[in-house]
Amino acid sequence: MKRIALLFISVFAVVLAVTAQTEVSAYTVESVPNVHVSDARRYVSDPAALMSASARDSIDALFGQLEASTGIESAVVVLPSIGEATPFDFAQSLFRRWGIGKSSSNNGLLILYVADQRKIRIHVGYGLEGFLTDAKCKRIQMQLMVPAFRRGDINGGMVAGALGVYKVLEGSMKPEAQEDDAGGVAAMIIFIAILLLVLY
């Protein structure tokens, strides 16, 4: 009888430990750290360190270059679990909470990977939907990311996916600052032309 009681207690303790671990590793939209806020050079939020530092650095550099050349704001989030939430709903809520992308151009990009569900979600603002369509996102996932994930290579999958997205979006638009500069130059030329007409 004592053995049965001890066995029951042991099993119960294991179940509690597993449950506690699951609760700790299941992230909510509110608990995911936005690393870009504290360091503008960082684009990858990987709070459980599922990726290597070199892989995170590679993606940071890639999306830093993308933002500099196009103005597109990006975020990559890698999580062990989001509990019962779906990657689609989670990505949509996180996208809105963080305010990814400029409001004037709606040019935000979020790549979410959830380890326990083995799911990837590439979420974009309306301003990027014409460039990064659902079909292109699916191809990037199936051809570049999923094969690496099946080999257990999360670093390779995430870097390949980020590179695939970068290649699609590179040169797709100009940063708003450059557009503003161009508009200012054009306005100045028009002003000078009008002034010359008035003076002469």
Foldseek 3Di string as FASTA:
>chain_A
DVVVVVVVVVVVVVVVVVVVVVVVQADALVRQDCVCVVPVLFAEGEPVCPDDPVLRNLLSVLVVVLCQFAVAFEHEYEGQHNPPDDPVVRVVVNCVVVVGGDPVQQRYWYWYAHNVVRDIDIDGGPNCCVQCPPVLLVCLCVPFAVVCVVVVNNSRNVSSSSVSVSVSSRPVHGRVVVVVVVVVVVVVVVVVVVVVVVVD
